Amino acid sequence: MVGIVVLTTKRLYLRTFTLEDAPLLHELDSDPEVMRYISGGKPTPLAVYVERKLPQWVALYGQGEGIGFWAVQERDTDDFVGWFHLRPDRDEPDAMELGYRFHRRVWGKGYATEGSLALIEKAFTDWGVDKVVARTLIGNRASQRVMEKCGLVFESEFWYALNRLPDWTEDERHAVKYALDRTGWERSQKQAL
């Protein structure tokens, strides 16, 4: 695959996306279970990735080190298995938002936790980040468990805006926010020694 590798873990590598990656993302988003807590199971059209999302994601790389969306590939097979992002948070400008999405065939392998831990460490040690936040719908316990395993702590409940999820009821838009600041991360690293 083309792209620049930004991070390597025991089983994965994260690389920059290229405009040619649209079919990989379309395939990922075509699984209703993958999209269950994102769009209610609706796929993302290929044209959305080609015309809007991938150009925006590629442009993020110019905003500074440690900001972007990255393709995740297995080191052993080179297979594309999902993506991560670390980007300025929309609601909390001094924080970076962590996000991830993976093919169902690799759910339960710990890839989301493995990559998130590596990104969080790099964010605090190399990229000068002071706080990492992550959000998910309240029903998405698997994503919440990843956040908890990575040391993020429950911060608040909220409801996504109706304009973001216009066809969803208030209950369906109910979500949670988790966060970890640099001090909390450093304390957890000392306790792990």
N, C-alpha and C. Protein backbone atom coordinates (compact mmCIF):
# COMPACT_ATOMS: atom_id res chain seq x y z
N MET A 1 0.83 -1.20 0.00
CA MET A 1 0.00 0.00 0.00
C MET A 1 0.87 1.25 0.00
N VAL A 2 0.35 2.26 -0.62
CA VAL A 2 1.02 3.55 -0.64
C VAL A 2 0.61 4.31 0.61
N GLY A 3 1.43 5.20 1.06
CA GLY A 3 1.15 5.97 2.26
C GLY A 3 2.37 5.93 3.16
N ILE A 4 2.42 6.85 4.08
CA ILE A 4 3.57 6.95 4.98
C ILE A 4 3.20 6.31 6.32
N VAL A 5 4.00 5.39 6.78
CA VAL A 5 3.76 4.74 8.07
C VAL A 5 4.11 5.74 9.17
N VAL A 6 3.14 5.97 10.07
CA VAL A 6 3.34 6.93 11.16
C VAL A 6 3.52 6.24 12.51
N LEU A 7 3.13 4.98 12.61
CA LEU A 7 3.18 4.29 13.89
C LEU A 7 3.10 2.78 13.65
N THR A 8 3.90 2.05 14.41
CA THR A 8 3.90 0.60 14.32
C THR A 8 3.69 0.03 15.72
N THR A 9 2.84 -0.98 15.82
CA THR A 9 2.63 -1.69 17.08
C THR A 9 3.06 -3.14 16.86
N LYS A 10 2.83 -3.98 17.84
CA LYS A 10 3.23 -5.38 17.73
C LYS A 10 2.59 -6.05 16.51
N ARG A 11 1.29 -5.76 16.26
CA ARG A 11 0.59 -6.46 15.19
C ARG A 11 0.11 -5.56 14.05
N LEU A 12 0.23 -4.26 14.20
CA LEU A 12 -0.38 -3.33 13.26
C LEU A 12 0.61 -2.26 12.81
N TYR A 13 0.29 -1.63 11.70
CA TYR A 13 0.93 -0.37 11.38
C TYR A 13 -0.13 0.61 10.90
N LEU A 14 0.08 1.86 11.23
CA LEU A 14 -0.82 2.94 10.85
C LEU A 14 -0.12 3.77 9.81
N ARG A 15 -0.80 4.03 8.72
CA ARG A 15 -0.22 4.80 7.62
C ARG A 15 -1.19 5.89 7.19
N THR A 16 -0.64 6.88 6.51
CA THR A 16 -1.49 7.94 5.98
C THR A 16 -2.40 7.37 4.89
N PHE A 17 -3.57 7.95 4.77
CA PHE A 17 -4.48 7.59 3.68
C PHE A 17 -4.05 8.29 2.41
N THR A 18 -4.41 7.71 1.29
CA THR A 18 -4.26 8.35 -0.01
C THR A 18 -5.63 8.37 -0.66
N LEU A 19 -5.78 9.16 -1.70
CA LEU A 19 -7.07 9.26 -2.38
C LEU A 19 -7.48 7.93 -3.00
N GLU A 20 -6.54 7.04 -3.23
CA GLU A 20 -6.83 5.74 -3.81
C GLU A 20 -7.45 4.76 -2.81
N ASP A 21 -7.55 5.14 -1.56
CA ASP A 21 -8.07 4.25 -0.53
C ASP A 21 -9.60 4.24 -0.43
N ALA A 22 -10.28 5.02 -1.25
CA ALA A 22 -11.74 5.10 -1.17
C ALA A 22 -12.43 3.74 -1.22
N PRO A 23 -12.05 2.81 -2.11
CA PRO A 23 -12.74 1.51 -2.12
C PRO A 23 -12.59 0.73 -0.81
N LEU A 24 -11.45 0.85 -0.15
CA LEU A 24 -11.25 0.16 1.14
C LEU A 24 -12.22 0.70 2.19
N LEU A 25 -12.38 2.01 2.21
CA LEU A 25 -13.27 2.64 3.19
C LEU A 25 -14.73 2.34 2.88
N HIS A 26 -15.06 2.34 1.60
CA HIS A 26 -16.43 2.02 1.19
C HIS A 26 -16.80 0.60 1.61
N GLU A 27 -15.87 -0.35 1.42
CA GLU A 27 -16.12 -1.73 1.82
C GLU A 27 -16.33 -1.82 3.34
N LEU A 28 -15.49 -1.14 4.11
CA LEU A 28 -15.63 -1.13 5.56
C LEU A 28 -17.00 -0.61 5.97
N ASP A 29 -17.41 0.51 5.39
CA ASP A 29 -18.67 1.16 5.77
C ASP A 29 -19.89 0.49 5.16
N SER A 30 -19.70 -0.53 4.34
CA SER A 30 -20.84 -1.23 3.75
C SER A 30 -21.40 -2.32 4.66
N ASP A 31 -20.72 -2.59 5.76
CA ASP A 31 -21.19 -3.58 6.72
C ASP A 31 -22.15 -2.90 7.71
N PRO A 32 -23.43 -3.28 7.71
CA PRO A 32 -24.39 -2.62 8.61
C PRO A 32 -24.01 -2.69 10.08
N GLU A 33 -23.34 -3.78 10.51
CA GLU A 33 -22.94 -3.89 11.91
C GLU A 33 -21.82 -2.90 12.24
N VAL A 34 -20.90 -2.68 11.32
CA VAL A 34 -19.83 -1.70 11.53
C VAL A 34 -20.45 -0.31 11.69
N MET A 35 -21.51 -0.04 10.93
CA MET A 35 -22.11 1.30 10.91
C MET A 35 -23.27 1.45 11.90
N ARG A 36 -23.54 0.43 12.66
CA ARG A 36 -24.70 0.43 13.57
C ARG A 36 -24.75 1.65 14.47
N TYR A 37 -23.63 1.99 15.12
CA TYR A 37 -23.61 3.11 16.07
C TYR A 37 -23.12 4.41 15.43
N ILE A 38 -22.99 4.41 14.11
CA ILE A 38 -22.50 5.59 13.41
C ILE A 38 -23.61 6.20 12.56
N SER A 39 -24.27 5.33 11.79
CA SER A 39 -25.30 5.82 10.87
C SER A 39 -26.58 4.99 10.96
N GLY A 40 -26.69 4.18 11.99
CA GLY A 40 -27.84 3.30 12.09
C GLY A 40 -27.77 2.14 11.12
N GLY A 41 -26.57 1.85 10.61
CA GLY A 41 -26.38 0.73 9.70
C GLY A 41 -26.33 1.10 8.24
N LYS A 42 -26.53 2.37 7.94
CA LYS A 42 -26.50 2.82 6.53
C LYS A 42 -25.05 2.92 6.06
N PRO A 43 -24.77 2.44 4.84
CA PRO A 43 -23.40 2.52 4.31
C PRO A 43 -23.05 3.95 3.89
N THR A 44 -21.77 4.22 3.85
CA THR A 44 -21.28 5.50 3.32
C THR A 44 -21.06 5.30 1.82
N PRO A 45 -21.71 6.09 0.98
CA PRO A 45 -21.51 5.93 -0.47
C PRO A 45 -20.05 6.17 -0.87
N LEU A 46 -19.59 5.43 -1.86
CA LEU A 46 -18.22 5.58 -2.35
C LEU A 46 -17.94 7.03 -2.75
N ALA A 47 -18.90 7.67 -3.38
CA ALA A 47 -18.71 9.06 -3.83
C ALA A 47 -18.41 10.00 -2.67
N VAL A 48 -18.95 9.73 -1.50
CA VAL A 48 -18.69 10.59 -0.33
C VAL A 48 -17.21 10.52 0.04
N TYR A 49 -16.63 9.32 -0.02
CA TYR A 49 -15.20 9.20 0.26
C TYR A 49 -14.37 9.85 -0.84
N VAL A 50 -14.73 9.61 -2.08
CA VAL A 50 -13.95 10.13 -3.21
C VAL A 50 -14.00 11.66 -3.25
N GLU A 51 -15.18 12.22 -3.11
CA GLU A 51 -15.37 13.66 -3.32
C GLU A 51 -15.17 14.51 -2.08
N ARG A 52 -15.43 13.95 -0.89
CA ARG A 52 -15.39 14.80 0.30
C ARG A 52 -14.48 14.30 1.40
N LYS A 53 -14.75 13.09 1.91
CA LYS A 53 -14.04 12.66 3.11
C LYS A 53 -12.53 12.49 2.92
N LEU A 54 -12.12 11.71 1.92
CA LEU A 54 -10.68 11.49 1.76
C LEU A 54 -9.92 12.78 1.47
N PRO A 55 -10.42 13.68 0.60
CA PRO A 55 -9.70 14.95 0.44
C PRO A 55 -9.56 15.73 1.76
N GLN A 56 -10.62 15.69 2.61
CA GLN A 56 -10.53 16.36 3.91
C GLN A 56 -9.51 15.67 4.81
N TRP A 57 -9.52 14.36 4.83
CA TRP A 57 -8.59 13.61 5.68
C TRP A 57 -7.15 13.86 5.25
N VAL A 58 -6.90 13.81 3.96
CA VAL A 58 -5.54 14.03 3.46
C VAL A 58 -5.08 15.45 3.79
N ALA A 59 -5.99 16.42 3.72
CA ALA A 59 -5.65 17.81 4.05
C ALA A 59 -5.27 17.97 5.52
N LEU A 60 -5.83 17.13 6.39
CA LEU A 60 -5.52 17.21 7.82
C LEU A 60 -4.03 17.01 8.10
N TYR A 61 -3.35 16.20 7.28
CA TYR A 61 -1.94 15.92 7.54
C TYR A 61 -1.10 17.19 7.51
N GLY A 62 -1.56 18.22 6.83
CA GLY A 62 -0.84 19.48 6.78
C GLY A 62 -1.07 20.38 7.97
N GLN A 63 -1.95 19.98 8.89
CA GLN A 63 -2.26 20.82 10.05
C GLN A 63 -1.31 20.62 11.22
N GLY A 64 -0.42 19.67 11.11
CA GLY A 64 0.54 19.47 12.19
C GLY A 64 0.76 18.00 12.48
N GLU A 65 1.87 17.73 13.10
CA GLU A 65 2.23 16.36 13.45
C GLU A 65 1.22 15.79 14.43
N GLY A 66 0.81 14.57 14.20
CA GLY A 66 -0.10 13.91 15.12
C GLY A 66 -1.56 14.19 14.87
N ILE A 67 -1.88 14.87 13.79
CA ILE A 67 -3.27 15.15 13.45
C ILE A 67 -3.60 14.39 12.18
N GLY A 68 -4.66 13.60 12.22
CA GLY A 68 -5.05 12.93 11.00
C GLY A 68 -5.87 11.68 11.20
N PHE A 69 -6.23 11.10 10.07
CA PHE A 69 -6.87 9.80 9.97
C PHE A 69 -5.82 8.86 9.40
N TRP A 70 -5.71 7.65 9.95
CA TRP A 70 -4.69 6.72 9.49
C TRP A 70 -5.31 5.35 9.21
N ALA A 71 -4.93 4.79 8.07
CA ALA A 71 -5.32 3.43 7.73
C ALA A 71 -4.58 2.47 8.65
N VAL A 72 -5.26 1.42 9.08
CA VAL A 72 -4.66 0.40 9.94
C VAL A 72 -4.51 -0.88 9.13
N GLN A 73 -3.30 -1.42 9.13
CA GLN A 73 -3.04 -2.65 8.40
C GLN A 73 -2.33 -3.64 9.31
N GLU A 74 -2.67 -4.91 9.12
CA GLU A 74 -2.00 -5.96 9.88
C GLU A 74 -0.58 -6.11 9.35
N ARG A 75 0.35 -6.20 10.26
CA ARG A 75 1.76 -6.35 9.85
C ARG A 75 1.99 -7.70 9.17
N ASP A 76 1.37 -8.76 9.66
CA ASP A 76 1.61 -10.09 9.10
C ASP A 76 1.04 -10.27 7.69
N THR A 77 -0.14 -9.70 7.45
CA THR A 77 -0.84 -9.94 6.19
C THR A 77 -0.86 -8.73 5.26
N ASP A 78 -0.61 -7.55 5.80
CA ASP A 78 -0.72 -6.28 5.08
C ASP A 78 -2.18 -5.93 4.75
N ASP A 79 -3.13 -6.66 5.33
CA ASP A 79 -4.55 -6.40 5.08
C ASP A 79 -5.01 -5.12 5.77
N PHE A 80 -5.82 -4.33 5.07
CA PHE A 80 -6.48 -3.16 5.65
C PHE A 80 -7.57 -3.67 6.58
N VAL A 81 -7.54 -3.23 7.85
CA VAL A 81 -8.53 -3.71 8.82
C VAL A 81 -9.36 -2.59 9.44
N GLY A 82 -9.00 -1.33 9.18
CA GLY A 82 -9.77 -0.24 9.75
C GLY A 82 -9.00 1.06 9.76
N TRP A 83 -9.40 1.96 10.65
CA TRP A 83 -8.70 3.25 10.75
C TRP A 83 -8.81 3.83 12.15
N PHE A 84 -7.91 4.77 12.41
CA PHE A 84 -7.93 5.60 13.63
C PHE A 84 -7.91 7.05 13.21
N HIS A 85 -8.39 7.89 14.10
CA HIS A 85 -8.14 9.32 13.90
C HIS A 85 -7.77 9.95 15.24
N LEU A 86 -6.99 11.00 15.13
CA LEU A 86 -6.67 11.89 16.24
C LEU A 86 -6.75 13.27 15.62
N ARG A 87 -7.72 14.04 16.07
CA ARG A 87 -7.96 15.35 15.45
C ARG A 87 -8.40 16.34 16.52
N PRO A 88 -8.25 17.63 16.24
CA PRO A 88 -8.72 18.61 17.21
C PRO A 88 -10.21 18.39 17.51
N ASP A 89 -10.52 18.39 18.79
CA ASP A 89 -11.90 18.15 19.20
C ASP A 89 -12.78 19.33 18.84
N ARG A 90 -13.97 19.06 18.33
CA ARG A 90 -14.90 20.13 17.93
C ARG A 90 -15.43 20.92 19.12
N ASP A 91 -15.63 20.25 20.26
CA ASP A 91 -16.25 20.91 21.40
C ASP A 91 -15.26 21.41 22.43
N GLU A 92 -14.05 20.87 22.43
CA GLU A 92 -13.04 21.22 23.42
C GLU A 92 -11.73 21.49 22.67
N PRO A 93 -11.52 22.74 22.26
CA PRO A 93 -10.41 23.06 21.35
C PRO A 93 -9.01 22.66 21.83
N ASP A 94 -8.80 22.54 23.13
CA ASP A 94 -7.47 22.18 23.63
C ASP A 94 -7.26 20.67 23.71
N ALA A 95 -8.27 19.90 23.30
CA ALA A 95 -8.18 18.44 23.37
C ALA A 95 -8.11 17.85 21.97
N MET A 96 -7.64 16.60 21.91
CA MET A 96 -7.63 15.86 20.66
C MET A 96 -8.62 14.71 20.79
N GLU A 97 -9.42 14.52 19.76
CA GLU A 97 -10.42 13.46 19.76
C GLU A 97 -9.85 12.20 19.12
N LEU A 98 -9.96 11.08 19.83
CA LEU A 98 -9.55 9.77 19.35
C LEU A 98 -10.77 9.06 18.79
N GLY A 99 -10.61 8.43 17.64
CA GLY A 99 -11.70 7.65 17.05
C GLY A 99 -11.14 6.46 16.31
N TYR A 100 -11.98 5.47 16.06
CA TYR A 100 -11.54 4.25 15.38
C TYR A 100 -12.74 3.55 14.78
N ARG A 101 -12.46 2.76 13.74
CA ARG A 101 -13.48 1.92 13.10
C ARG A 101 -12.76 0.72 12.49
N PHE A 102 -13.31 -0.48 12.72
CA PHE A 102 -12.65 -1.70 12.26
C PHE A 102 -13.62 -2.65 11.56
N HIS A 103 -13.08 -3.43 10.64
CA HIS A 103 -13.85 -4.50 10.02
C HIS A 103 -14.32 -5.48 11.08
N ARG A 104 -15.51 -5.98 10.90
CA ARG A 104 -16.08 -6.92 11.86
C ARG A 104 -15.22 -8.19 11.98
N ARG A 105 -14.55 -8.59 10.91
CA ARG A 105 -13.75 -9.82 10.93
C ARG A 105 -12.58 -9.75 11.93
N VAL A 106 -12.22 -8.53 12.38
CA VAL A 106 -11.14 -8.42 13.36
C VAL A 106 -11.62 -7.96 14.73
N TRP A 107 -12.94 -7.83 14.90
CA TRP A 107 -13.46 -7.48 16.22
C TRP A 107 -13.05 -8.57 17.22
N GLY A 108 -12.74 -8.15 18.41
CA GLY A 108 -12.37 -9.09 19.47
C GLY A 108 -10.89 -9.45 19.49
N LYS A 109 -10.12 -8.93 18.55
CA LYS A 109 -8.68 -9.22 18.53
C LYS A 109 -7.86 -8.21 19.32
N GLY A 110 -8.50 -7.18 19.83
CA GLY A 110 -7.79 -6.18 20.62
C GLY A 110 -7.08 -5.12 19.79
N TYR A 111 -7.38 -5.04 18.50
CA TYR A 111 -6.70 -4.06 17.65
C TYR A 111 -7.04 -2.62 18.04
N ALA A 112 -8.30 -2.36 18.38
CA ALA A 112 -8.69 -0.99 18.74
C ALA A 112 -7.93 -0.55 20.00
N THR A 113 -7.80 -1.44 20.96
CA THR A 113 -7.07 -1.11 22.19
C THR A 113 -5.58 -0.95 21.89
N GLU A 114 -5.01 -1.88 21.15
CA GLU A 114 -3.58 -1.84 20.83
C GLU A 114 -3.20 -0.53 20.12
N GLY A 115 -3.96 -0.18 19.11
CA GLY A 115 -3.66 1.05 18.37
C GLY A 115 -3.94 2.30 19.17
N SER A 116 -5.04 2.29 19.93
CA SER A 116 -5.37 3.46 20.76
C SER A 116 -4.30 3.72 21.80
N LEU A 117 -3.83 2.66 22.47
CA LEU A 117 -2.76 2.83 23.46
C LEU A 117 -1.51 3.44 22.83
N ALA A 118 -1.15 2.96 21.65
CA ALA A 118 0.04 3.48 20.97
C ALA A 118 -0.15 4.93 20.56
N LEU A 119 -1.33 5.27 20.05
CA LEU A 119 -1.60 6.66 19.66
C LEU A 119 -1.61 7.59 20.86
N ILE A 120 -2.22 7.14 21.95
CA ILE A 120 -2.27 7.97 23.16
C ILE A 120 -0.85 8.22 23.68
N GLU A 121 -0.04 7.18 23.73
CA GLU A 121 1.34 7.36 24.18
C GLU A 121 2.09 8.35 23.29
N LYS A 122 1.97 8.19 21.99
CA LYS A 122 2.66 9.09 21.06
C LYS A 122 2.12 10.51 21.20
N ALA A 123 0.83 10.64 21.40
CA ALA A 123 0.22 11.97 21.55
C ALA A 123 0.80 12.71 22.75
N PHE A 124 0.96 12.01 23.88
CA PHE A 124 1.47 12.65 25.09
C PHE A 124 2.98 12.79 25.10
N THR A 125 3.71 11.86 24.49
CA THR A 125 5.17 11.92 24.57
C THR A 125 5.82 12.69 23.42
N ASP A 126 5.26 12.57 22.22
CA ASP A 126 5.92 13.17 21.06
C ASP A 126 5.17 14.33 20.42
N TRP A 127 3.86 14.32 20.55
CA TRP A 127 3.07 15.31 19.80
C TRP A 127 2.56 16.46 20.65
N GLY A 128 2.90 16.52 21.92
CA GLY A 128 2.56 17.67 22.76
C GLY A 128 1.08 17.82 23.09
N VAL A 129 0.33 16.75 23.05
CA VAL A 129 -1.10 16.79 23.37
C VAL A 129 -1.27 16.84 24.88
N ASP A 130 -2.23 17.64 25.35
CA ASP A 130 -2.50 17.75 26.78
C ASP A 130 -3.71 16.94 27.23
N LYS A 131 -4.63 16.63 26.28
CA LYS A 131 -5.83 15.88 26.65
C LYS A 131 -6.35 15.13 25.44
N VAL A 132 -6.75 13.88 25.66
CA VAL A 132 -7.37 13.05 24.63
C VAL A 132 -8.79 12.74 25.08
N VAL A 133 -9.75 12.91 24.18
CA VAL A 133 -11.15 12.60 24.47
C VAL A 133 -11.67 11.61 23.43
N ALA A 134 -12.71 10.89 23.79
CA ALA A 134 -13.37 9.97 22.86
C ALA A 134 -14.85 9.92 23.23
N ARG A 135 -15.68 9.73 22.22
CA ARG A 135 -17.13 9.69 22.43
C ARG A 135 -17.71 8.48 21.71
N THR A 136 -18.82 8.00 22.25
CA THR A 136 -19.57 6.95 21.57
C THR A 136 -21.00 6.96 22.08
N LEU A 137 -21.88 6.33 21.33
CA LEU A 137 -23.26 6.19 21.80
C LEU A 137 -23.29 5.30 23.03
N ILE A 138 -24.24 5.57 23.89
CA ILE A 138 -24.30 4.88 25.18
C ILE A 138 -24.47 3.36 25.02
N GLY A 139 -25.08 2.92 23.95
CA GLY A 139 -25.27 1.50 23.73
C GLY A 139 -24.04 0.77 23.22
N ASN A 140 -23.02 1.50 22.83
CA ASN A 140 -21.82 0.89 22.24
C ASN A 140 -20.82 0.53 23.35
N ARG A 141 -21.14 -0.51 24.09
CA ARG A 141 -20.28 -0.92 25.21
C ARG A 141 -18.90 -1.39 24.77
N ALA A 142 -18.81 -1.98 23.59
CA ALA A 142 -17.50 -2.45 23.11
C ALA A 142 -16.54 -1.28 22.96
N SER A 143 -17.02 -0.18 22.40
CA SER A 143 -16.16 1.00 22.24
C SER A 143 -15.82 1.61 23.60
N GLN A 144 -16.78 1.62 24.51
CA GLN A 144 -16.51 2.14 25.85
C GLN A 144 -15.46 1.30 26.57
N ARG A 145 -15.49 -0.01 26.38
CA ARG A 145 -14.48 -0.88 27.01
C ARG A 145 -13.09 -0.58 26.48
N VAL A 146 -12.99 -0.29 25.18
CA VAL A 146 -11.69 0.09 24.61
C VAL A 146 -11.19 1.35 25.30
N MET A 147 -12.05 2.35 25.43
CA MET A 147 -11.67 3.60 26.06
C MET A 147 -11.19 3.35 27.49
N GLU A 148 -11.92 2.53 28.22
CA GLU A 148 -11.55 2.24 29.61
C GLU A 148 -10.22 1.49 29.70
N LYS A 149 -10.00 0.52 28.81
CA LYS A 149 -8.73 -0.22 28.80
C LYS A 149 -7.55 0.70 28.50
N CYS A 150 -7.82 1.78 27.79
CA CYS A 150 -6.75 2.72 27.42
C CYS A 150 -6.55 3.80 28.47
N GLY A 151 -7.28 3.72 29.57
CA GLY A 151 -7.10 4.67 30.66
C GLY A 151 -7.99 5.89 30.59
N LEU A 152 -8.83 6.01 29.55
CA LEU A 152 -9.75 7.13 29.50
C LEU A 152 -10.82 6.91 30.56
N VAL A 153 -11.27 8.00 31.16
CA VAL A 153 -12.21 7.94 32.27
C VAL A 153 -13.51 8.62 31.84
N PHE A 154 -14.63 8.04 32.26
CA PHE A 154 -15.94 8.62 31.96
C PHE A 154 -15.95 10.07 32.44
N GLU A 155 -16.38 10.94 31.56
CA GLU A 155 -16.44 12.37 31.89
C GLU A 155 -17.88 12.90 31.93
N SER A 156 -18.70 12.50 30.93
CA SER A 156 -20.07 13.03 30.92
C SER A 156 -20.95 12.26 29.95
N GLU A 157 -22.25 12.43 30.16
CA GLU A 157 -23.24 11.97 29.19
C GLU A 157 -23.70 13.18 28.41
N PHE A 158 -24.14 12.96 27.17
CA PHE A 158 -24.66 14.05 26.35
C PHE A 158 -25.53 13.44 25.26
N TRP A 159 -26.15 14.29 24.47
CA TRP A 159 -26.96 13.85 23.34
C TRP A 159 -26.40 14.51 22.09
N TYR A 160 -26.12 13.69 21.07
CA TYR A 160 -25.68 14.26 19.80
C TYR A 160 -26.78 15.15 19.26
N ALA A 161 -26.39 16.22 18.60
CA ALA A 161 -27.35 17.18 18.04
C ALA A 161 -28.23 16.50 17.00
N LEU A 162 -29.46 16.95 16.93
CA LEU A 162 -30.42 16.40 15.99
C LEU A 162 -29.94 16.55 14.55
N ASN A 163 -29.24 17.66 14.25
CA ASN A 163 -28.77 17.84 12.86
C ASN A 163 -27.67 16.85 12.49
N ARG A 164 -26.99 16.27 13.48
CA ARG A 164 -25.96 15.27 13.19
C ARG A 164 -26.58 13.91 12.91
N LEU A 165 -27.63 13.57 13.64
CA LEU A 165 -28.33 12.29 13.47
C LEU A 165 -29.83 12.57 13.33
N PRO A 166 -30.24 13.17 12.20
CA PRO A 166 -31.61 13.69 12.07
C PRO A 166 -32.71 12.65 12.15
N ASP A 167 -32.44 11.41 11.80
CA ASP A 167 -33.48 10.37 11.81
C ASP A 167 -33.52 9.60 13.13
N TRP A 168 -32.72 10.00 14.10
CA TRP A 168 -32.61 9.25 15.34
C TRP A 168 -33.44 9.90 16.44
N THR A 169 -33.98 9.07 17.32
CA THR A 169 -34.72 9.59 18.47
C THR A 169 -33.73 10.14 19.49
N GLU A 170 -34.25 10.82 20.48
CA GLU A 170 -33.38 11.35 21.54
C GLU A 170 -32.65 10.22 22.25
N ASP A 171 -33.33 9.13 22.54
CA ASP A 171 -32.69 7.98 23.20
C ASP A 171 -31.56 7.42 22.35
N GLU A 172 -31.76 7.35 21.03
CA GLU A 172 -30.73 6.81 20.14
C GLU A 172 -29.52 7.73 20.05
N ARG A 173 -29.70 9.03 20.31
CA ARG A 173 -28.60 9.99 20.24
C ARG A 173 -27.87 10.14 21.57
N HIS A 174 -28.29 9.41 22.59
CA HIS A 174 -27.68 9.47 23.93
C HIS A 174 -26.26 8.90 23.85
N ALA A 175 -25.29 9.65 24.35
CA ALA A 175 -23.89 9.27 24.19
C ALA A 175 -23.09 9.56 25.45
N VAL A 176 -21.84 9.10 25.45
CA VAL A 176 -20.94 9.31 26.58
C VAL A 176 -19.60 9.84 26.07
N LYS A 177 -18.94 10.59 26.93
CA LYS A 177 -17.61 11.13 26.62
C LYS A 177 -16.64 10.62 27.67
N TYR A 178 -15.49 10.16 27.21
CA TYR A 178 -14.39 9.71 28.06
C TYR A 178 -13.19 10.61 27.79
N ALA A 179 -12.31 10.74 28.77
CA ALA A 179 -11.15 11.63 28.59
C ALA A 179 -9.97 11.17 29.43
N LEU A 180 -8.80 11.60 29.00
CA LEU A 180 -7.56 11.36 29.72
C LEU A 180 -6.64 12.54 29.47
N ASP A 181 -6.17 13.16 30.57
CA ASP A 181 -5.23 14.27 30.37
C ASP A 181 -3.80 13.78 30.61
N ARG A 182 -2.86 14.63 30.27
CA ARG A 182 -1.45 14.26 30.36
C ARG A 182 -1.06 13.85 31.78
N THR A 183 -1.54 14.56 32.80
CA THR A 183 -1.20 14.24 34.18
C THR A 183 -1.70 12.84 34.55
N GLY A 184 -2.93 12.53 34.17
CA GLY A 184 -3.48 11.21 34.46
C GLY A 184 -2.72 10.12 33.72
N TRP A 185 -2.33 10.39 32.48
CA TRP A 185 -1.56 9.40 31.72
C TRP A 185 -0.20 9.17 32.36
N GLU A 186 0.50 10.27 32.75
CA GLU A 186 1.81 10.13 33.38
C GLU A 186 1.72 9.36 34.69
N ARG A 187 0.67 9.63 35.46
CA ARG A 187 0.48 8.91 36.72
C ARG A 187 0.28 7.42 36.45
N SER A 188 -0.49 7.08 35.44
CA SER A 188 -0.74 5.66 35.12
C SER A 188 0.56 4.99 34.64
N GLN A 189 1.42 5.72 33.96
CA GLN A 189 2.69 5.14 33.51
C GLN A 189 3.61 4.85 34.69
N LYS A 190 3.62 5.73 35.69
CA LYS A 190 4.44 5.49 36.88
C LYS A 190 3.92 4.31 37.68
N GLN A 191 2.60 4.16 37.75
CA GLN A 191 2.01 3.05 38.50
C GLN A 191 2.30 1.72 37.80
N ALA A 192 2.45 1.75 36.47
CA ALA A 192 2.69 0.52 35.72
C ALA A 192 4.12 0.02 35.89
N LEU A 193 5.02 0.89 36.36
CA LEU A 193 6.43 0.49 36.52
C LEU A 193 6.66 -0.40 37.72
